[in-house]
Amino acid sequence: MDIQLKSTITCPACHFQQEETMPENACSFFYECSNCKAVIKPLPGDCCVFCSYGTVNCPPEQKGEKCC
């Protein structure tokens, strides 16, 4: 299984999009938008900001593992 490490995250506050590299074995619970500086958190039920606002889920989720 090929794990994707790049995801384009969309800020829910200003809708700015930025491609980011995700950590392979951890969740990113907070993310600061480089455009508007808003600090975002995952939606309820999601483990990280990439699972909530990214084009690709985090690597642990891609593997079918619990990451948090």
PDB file of N, CA and C in Angstrom:
ATOM      1  N   MET A   1       0.840  -1.182   0.000  1.00  0.00           N
ATOM      2  CA  MET A   1       0.000   0.000   0.000  1.00  0.00           C
ATOM      3  C   MET A   1       0.883   1.242   0.000  1.00  0.00           C
ATOM      4  N   ASP A   2       0.636   2.134  -0.947  1.00  0.00           N
ATOM      5  CA  ASP A   2       1.378   3.392  -1.015  1.00  0.00           C
ATOM      6  C   ASP A   2       0.704   4.418  -0.122  1.00  0.00           C
ATOM      7  N   ILE A   3       1.483   4.960   0.791  1.00  0.00           N
ATOM      8  CA  ILE A   3       0.986   5.987   1.704  1.00  0.00           C
ATOM      9  C   ILE A   3       1.352   7.348   1.124  1.00  0.00           C
ATOM     10  N   GLN A   4       0.360   8.202   1.002  1.00  0.00           N
ATOM     11  CA  GLN A   4       0.602   9.558   0.520  1.00  0.00           C
ATOM     12  C   GLN A   4       0.944  10.454   1.707  1.00  0.00           C
ATOM     13  N   LEU A   5       2.007  11.217   1.569  1.00  0.00           N
ATOM     14  CA  LEU A   5       2.444  12.108   2.643  1.00  0.00           C
ATOM     15  C   LEU A   5       2.105  13.574   2.374  1.00  0.00           C
ATOM     16  N   LYS A   6       1.631  13.881   1.183  1.00  0.00           N
ATOM     17  CA  LYS A   6       1.258  15.259   0.834  1.00  0.00           C
ATOM     18  C   LYS A   6      -0.259  15.386   0.835  1.00  0.00           C
ATOM     19  N   SER A   7      -0.741  16.467   1.400  1.00  0.00           N
ATOM     20  CA  SER A   7      -2.169  16.753   1.422  1.00  0.00           C
ATOM     21  C   SER A   7      -2.345  18.259   1.289  1.00  0.00           C
ATOM     22  N   THR A   8      -3.345  18.662   0.541  1.00  0.00           N
ATOM     23  CA  THR A   8      -3.668  20.081   0.430  1.00  0.00           C
ATOM     24  C   THR A   8      -4.735  20.384   1.463  1.00  0.00           C
ATOM     25  N   ILE A   9      -4.377  21.234   2.407  1.00  0.00           N
ATOM     26  CA  ILE A   9      -5.289  21.580   3.494  1.00  0.00           C
ATOM     27  C   ILE A   9      -5.962  22.914   3.159  1.00  0.00           C
ATOM     28  N   THR A  10      -7.262  22.986   3.413  1.00  0.00           N
ATOM     29  CA  THR A  10      -8.035  24.195   3.144  1.00  0.00           C
ATOM     30  C   THR A  10      -8.471  24.809   4.468  1.00  0.00           C
ATOM     31  N   CYS A  11      -8.097  26.036   4.694  1.00  0.00           N
ATOM     32  CA  CYS A  11      -8.469  26.734   5.921  1.00  0.00           C
ATOM     33  C   CYS A  11      -9.976  26.991   5.912  1.00  0.00           C
ATOM     34  N   PRO A  12     -10.686  26.569   6.959  1.00  0.00           N
ATOM     35  CA  PRO A  12     -12.122  26.819   6.995  1.00  0.00           C
ATOM     36  C   PRO A  12     -12.473  28.289   7.235  1.00  0.00           C
ATOM     37  N   ALA A  13     -11.522  29.071   7.712  1.00  0.00           N
ATOM     38  CA  ALA A  13     -11.780  30.484   7.992  1.00  0.00           C
ATOM     39  C   ALA A  13     -11.681  31.352   6.743  1.00  0.00           C
ATOM     40  N   CYS A  14     -10.623  31.146   5.939  1.00  0.00           N
ATOM     41  CA  CYS A  14     -10.419  32.017   4.776  1.00  0.00           C
ATOM     42  C   CYS A  14     -10.387  31.258   3.446  1.00  0.00           C
ATOM     43  N   HIS A  15     -10.442  29.929   3.502  1.00  0.00           N
ATOM     44  CA  HIS A  15     -10.460  29.045   2.328  1.00  0.00           C
ATOM     45  C   HIS A  15      -9.147  29.022   1.556  1.00  0.00           C
ATOM     46  N   PHE A  16      -8.077  29.519   2.171  1.00  0.00           N
ATOM     47  CA  PHE A  16      -6.746  29.441   1.565  1.00  0.00           C
ATOM     48  C   PHE A  16      -6.315  27.981   1.539  1.00  0.00           C
ATOM     49  N   GLN A  17      -5.674  27.557   0.458  1.00  0.00           N
ATOM     50  CA  GLN A  17      -5.203  26.185   0.337  1.00  0.00           C
ATOM     51  C   GLN A  17      -3.683  26.148   0.308  1.00  0.00           C
ATOM     52  N   GLN A  18      -3.139  25.149   1.006  1.00  0.00           N
ATOM     53  CA  GLN A  18      -1.688  24.999   1.087  1.00  0.00           C
ATOM     54  C   GLN A  18      -1.356  23.513   1.089  1.00  0.00           C
ATOM     55  N   GLU A  19      -0.413  23.110   0.244  1.00  0.00           N
ATOM     56  CA  GLU A  19       0.036  21.718   0.279  1.00  0.00           C
ATOM     57  C   GLU A  19       1.024  21.558   1.428  1.00  0.00           C
ATOM     58  N   GLU A  20       0.823  20.531   2.228  1.00  0.00           N
ATOM     59  CA  GLU A  20       1.671  20.269   3.389  1.00  0.00           C
ATOM     60  C   GLU A  20       2.119  18.814   3.379  1.00  0.00           C
ATOM     61  N   THR A  21       3.246  18.560   4.012  1.00  0.00           N
ATOM     62  CA  THR A  21       3.718  17.204   4.225  1.00  0.00           C
ATOM     63  C   THR A  21       3.248  16.751   5.599  1.00  0.00           C
ATOM     64  N   MET A  22       2.592  15.608   5.644  1.00  0.00           N
ATOM     65  CA  MET A  22       2.049  15.097   6.908  1.00  0.00           C
ATOM     66  C   MET A  22       3.083  14.237   7.618  1.00  0.00           C
ATOM     67  N   PRO A  23       3.069  14.231   8.955  1.00  0.00           N
ATOM     68  CA  PRO A  23       3.935  13.305   9.678  1.00  0.00           C
ATOM     69  C   PRO A  23       3.461  11.878   9.433  1.00  0.00           C
ATOM     70  N   GLU A  24       4.395  10.935   9.378  1.00  0.00           N
ATOM     71  CA  GLU A  24       4.043   9.549   9.064  1.00  0.00           C
ATOM     72  C   GLU A  24       3.406   8.799  10.219  1.00  0.00           C
ATOM     73  N   ASN A  25       3.705   9.195  11.440  1.00  0.00           N
ATOM     74  CA  ASN A  25       3.258   8.381  12.578  1.00  0.00           C
ATOM     75  C   ASN A  25       2.624   9.198  13.696  1.00  0.00           C
ATOM     76  N   ALA A  26       2.049  10.343  13.357  1.00  0.00           N
ATOM     77  CA  ALA A  26       1.450  11.187  14.393  1.00  0.00           C
ATOM     78  C   ALA A  26       0.314  12.001  13.791  1.00  0.00           C
ATOM     79  N   CYS A  27      -0.524  12.508  14.677  1.00  0.00           N
ATOM     80  CA  CYS A  27      -1.621  13.386  14.269  1.00  0.00           C
ATOM     81  C   CYS A  27      -1.165  14.844  14.340  1.00  0.00           C
ATOM     82  N   SER A  28      -1.757  15.654  13.503  1.00  0.00           N
ATOM     83  CA  SER A  28      -1.569  17.099  13.588  1.00  0.00           C
ATOM     84  C   SER A  28      -2.876  17.669  14.107  1.00  0.00           C
ATOM     85  N   PHE A  29      -2.933  17.917  15.405  1.00  0.00           N
ATOM     86  CA  PHE A  29      -4.178  18.348  16.024  1.00  0.00           C
ATOM     87  C   PHE A  29      -4.425  19.838  15.812  1.00  0.00           C
ATOM     88  N   PHE A  30      -3.369  20.617  15.708  1.00  0.00           N
ATOM     89  CA  PHE A  30      -3.498  22.051  15.451  1.00  0.00           C
ATOM     90  C   PHE A  30      -2.782  22.398  14.156  1.00  0.00           C
ATOM     91  N   TYR A  31      -3.305  23.399  13.466  1.00  0.00           N
ATOM     92  CA  TYR A  31      -2.676  23.876  12.233  1.00  0.00           C
ATOM     93  C   TYR A  31      -2.913  25.376  12.143  1.00  0.00           C
ATOM     94  N   GLU A  32      -1.851  26.123  11.892  1.00  0.00           N
ATOM     95  CA  GLU A  32      -1.985  27.569  11.721  1.00  0.00           C
ATOM     96  C   GLU A  32      -1.960  27.900  10.239  1.00  0.00           C
ATOM     97  N   CYS A  33      -3.014  28.543   9.769  1.00  0.00           N
ATOM     98  CA  CYS A  33      -3.108  28.954   8.373  1.00  0.00           C
ATOM     99  C   CYS A  33      -2.024  29.991   8.081  1.00  0.00           C
ATOM    100  N   SER A  34      -1.287  29.774   7.010  1.00  0.00           N
ATOM    101  CA  SER A  34      -0.219  30.717   6.666  1.00  0.00           C
ATOM    102  C   SER A  34      -0.770  32.002   6.071  1.00  0.00           C
ATOM    103  N   ASN A  35      -2.049  32.006   5.692  1.00  0.00           N
ATOM    104  CA  ASN A  35      -2.655  33.197   5.108  1.00  0.00           C
ATOM    105  C   ASN A  35      -3.293  34.095   6.168  1.00  0.00           C
ATOM    106  N   CYS A  36      -4.249  33.560   6.930  1.00  0.00           N
ATOM    107  CA  CYS A  36      -4.987  34.395   7.888  1.00  0.00           C
ATOM    108  C   CYS A  36      -4.551  34.185   9.344  1.00  0.00           C
ATOM    109  N   LYS A  37      -3.652  33.227   9.565  1.00  0.00           N
ATOM    110  CA  LYS A  37      -3.089  32.919  10.891  1.00  0.00           C
ATOM    111  C   LYS A  37      -4.095  32.286  11.853  1.00  0.00           C
ATOM    112  N   ALA A  38      -5.262  31.867  11.359  1.00  0.00           N
ATOM    113  CA  ALA A  38      -6.218  31.151  12.212  1.00  0.00           C
ATOM    114  C   ALA A  38      -5.622  29.810  12.618  1.00  0.00           C
ATOM    115  N   VAL A  39      -5.846  29.415  13.851  1.00  0.00           N
ATOM    116  CA  VAL A  39      -5.408  28.106  14.333  1.00  0.00           C
ATOM    117  C   VAL A  39      -6.637  27.197  14.306  1.00  0.00           C
ATOM    118  N   ILE A  40      -6.549  26.150  13.499  1.00  0.00           N
ATOM    119  CA  ILE A  40      -7.696  25.266  13.338  1.00  0.00           C
ATOM    120  C   ILE A  40      -7.459  23.941  14.052  1.00  0.00           C
ATOM    121  N   LYS A  41      -8.551  23.297  14.425  1.00  0.00           N
ATOM    122  CA  LYS A  41      -8.538  21.994  15.081  1.00  0.00           C
ATOM    123  C   LYS A  41      -9.404  21.046  14.255  1.00  0.00           C
ATOM    124  N   PRO A  42      -9.255  19.736  14.457  1.00  0.00           N
ATOM    125  CA  PRO A  42     -10.083  18.778  13.715  1.00  0.00           C
ATOM    126  C   PRO A  42     -11.558  18.920  14.067  1.00  0.00           C
ATOM    127  N   LEU A  43     -12.394  18.514  13.143  1.00  0.00           N
ATOM    128  CA  LEU A  43     -13.833  18.445  13.393  1.00  0.00           C
ATOM    129  C   LEU A  43     -14.112  17.301  14.371  1.00  0.00           C
ATOM    130  N   PRO A  44     -15.207  17.358  15.114  1.00  0.00           N
ATOM    131  CA  PRO A  44     -15.537  16.262  16.022  1.00  0.00           C
ATOM    132  C   PRO A  44     -15.581  14.917  15.281  1.00  0.00           C
ATOM    133  N   GLY A  45     -14.927  13.926  15.855  1.00  0.00           N
ATOM    134  CA  GLY A  45     -14.874  12.602  15.250  1.00  0.00           C
ATOM    135  C   GLY A  45     -13.660  12.357  14.376  1.00  0.00           C
ATOM    136  N   ASP A  46     -12.937  13.415  14.010  1.00  0.00           N
ATOM    137  CA  ASP A  46     -11.714  13.262  13.214  1.00  0.00           C
ATOM    138  C   ASP A  46     -10.504  13.315  14.127  1.00  0.00           C
ATOM    139  N   CYS A  47      -9.438  12.619  13.711  1.00  0.00           N
ATOM    140  CA  CYS A  47      -8.248  12.548  14.564  1.00  0.00           C
ATOM    141  C   CYS A  47      -7.295  13.717  14.353  1.00  0.00           C
ATOM    142  N   CYS A  48      -7.346  14.347  13.176  1.00  0.00           N
ATOM    143  CA  CYS A  48      -6.387  15.422  12.916  1.00  0.00           C
ATOM    144  C   CYS A  48      -6.936  16.389  11.881  1.00  0.00           C
ATOM    145  N   VAL A  49      -6.238  17.488  11.690  1.00  0.00           N
ATOM    146  CA  VAL A  49      -6.693  18.518  10.754  1.00  0.00           C
ATOM    147  C   VAL A  49      -6.660  18.024   9.308  1.00  0.00           C
ATOM    148  N   PHE A  50      -5.770  17.089   8.992  1.00  0.00           N
ATOM    149  CA  PHE A  50      -5.717  16.571   7.622  1.00  0.00           C
ATOM    150  C   PHE A  50      -6.942  15.721   7.315  1.00  0.00           C
ATOM    151  N   CYS A  51      -7.435  14.986   8.310  1.00  0.00           N
ATOM    152  CA  CYS A  51      -8.648  14.189   8.106  1.00  0.00           C
ATOM    153  C   CYS A  51      -9.875  15.085   7.981  1.00  0.00           C
ATOM    154  N   SER A  52      -9.840  16.260   8.585  1.00  0.00           N
ATOM    155  CA  SER A  52     -10.968  17.191   8.508  1.00  0.00           C
ATOM    156  C   SER A  52     -10.900  18.120   7.304  1.00  0.00           C
ATOM    157  N   TYR A  53      -9.740  18.655   7.008  1.00  0.00           N
ATOM    158  CA  TYR A  53      -9.630  19.730   6.022  1.00  0.00           C
ATOM    159  C   TYR A  53      -8.669  19.439   4.872  1.00  0.00           C
ATOM    160  N   GLY A  54      -8.076  18.254   4.844  1.00  0.00           N
ATOM    161  CA  GLY A  54      -7.108  17.922   3.802  1.00  0.00           C
ATOM    162  C   GLY A  54      -7.716  17.116   2.672  1.00  0.00           C
ATOM    163  N   THR A  55      -6.984  17.059   1.570  1.00  0.00           N
ATOM    164  CA  THR A  55      -7.413  16.264   0.422  1.00  0.00           C
ATOM    165  C   THR A  55      -7.093  14.797   0.614  1.00  0.00           C
ATOM    166  N   VAL A  56      -6.184  14.489   1.550  1.00  0.00           N
ATOM    167  CA  VAL A  56      -5.782  13.118   1.844  1.00  0.00           C
ATOM    168  C   VAL A  56      -5.781  12.950   3.361  1.00  0.00           C
ATOM    169  N   ASN A  57      -6.338  11.847   3.856  1.00  0.00           N
ATOM    170  CA  ASN A  57      -6.297  11.569   5.299  1.00  0.00           C
ATOM    171  C   ASN A  57      -4.866  11.315   5.750  1.00  0.00           C
ATOM    172  N   CYS A  58      -4.626  11.446   7.051  1.00  0.00           N
ATOM    173  CA  CYS A  58      -3.290  11.254   7.613  1.00  0.00           C
ATOM    174  C   CYS A  58      -2.803   9.822   7.366  1.00  0.00           C
ATOM    175  N   PRO A  59      -1.477   9.614   7.349  1.00  0.00           N
ATOM    176  CA  PRO A  59      -0.925   8.283   7.081  1.00  0.00           C
ATOM    177  C   PRO A  59      -1.448   7.166   7.996  1.00  0.00           C
ATOM    178  N   PRO A  60      -1.581   7.362   9.316  1.00  0.00           N
ATOM    179  CA  PRO A  60      -2.132   6.272  10.123  1.00  0.00           C
ATOM    180  C   PRO A  60      -3.541   5.875   9.679  1.00  0.00           C
ATOM    181  N   GLU A  61      -4.376   6.837   9.336  1.00  0.00           N
ATOM    182  CA  GLU A  61      -5.732   6.537   8.849  1.00  0.00           C
ATOM    183  C   GLU A  61      -5.660   5.817   7.489  1.00  0.00           C
ATOM    184  N   GLN A  62      -4.725   6.212   6.647  1.00  0.00           N
ATOM    185  CA  GLN A  62      -4.561   5.533   5.351  1.00  0.00           C
ATOM    186  C   GLN A  62      -4.210   4.063   5.547  1.00  0.00           C
ATOM    187  N   LYS A  63      -3.452   3.774   6.610  1.00  0.00           N
ATOM    188  CA  LYS A  63      -3.052   2.395   6.918  1.00  0.00           C
ATOM    189  C   LYS A  63      -4.143   1.624   7.637  1.00  0.00           C
ATOM    190  N   GLY A  64      -5.211   2.319   8.028  1.00  0.00           N
ATOM    191  CA  GLY A  64      -6.287   1.661   8.780  1.00  0.00           C
ATOM    192  C   GLY A  64      -5.999   1.535  10.263  1.00  0.00           C
ATOM    193  N   GLU A  65      -5.064   2.348  10.731  1.00  0.00           N
ATOM    194  CA  GLU A  65      -4.673   2.342  12.143  1.00  0.00           C
ATOM    195  C   GLU A  65      -5.305   3.526  12.874  1.00  0.00           C
ATOM    196  N   LYS A  66      -5.439   3.374  14.169  1.00  0.00           N
ATOM    197  CA  LYS A  66      -5.833   4.525  14.993  1.00  0.00           C
ATOM    198  C   LYS A  66      -4.566   5.323  15.254  1.00  0.00           C
ATOM    199  N   CYS A  67      -4.654   6.631  15.089  1.00  0.00           N
ATOM    200  CA  CYS A  67      -3.436   7.422  15.240  1.00  0.00           C
ATOM    201  C   CYS A  67      -3.396   8.229  16.529  1.00  0.00           C
ATOM    202  N   CYS A  68      -4.495   8.336  17.227  1.00  0.00           N
ATOM    203  CA  CYS A  68      -4.493   9.127  18.458  1.00  0.00           C
ATOM    204  C   CYS A  68      -5.047   8.331  19.612  1.00  0.00           C
TER     205      CYS A  68
END
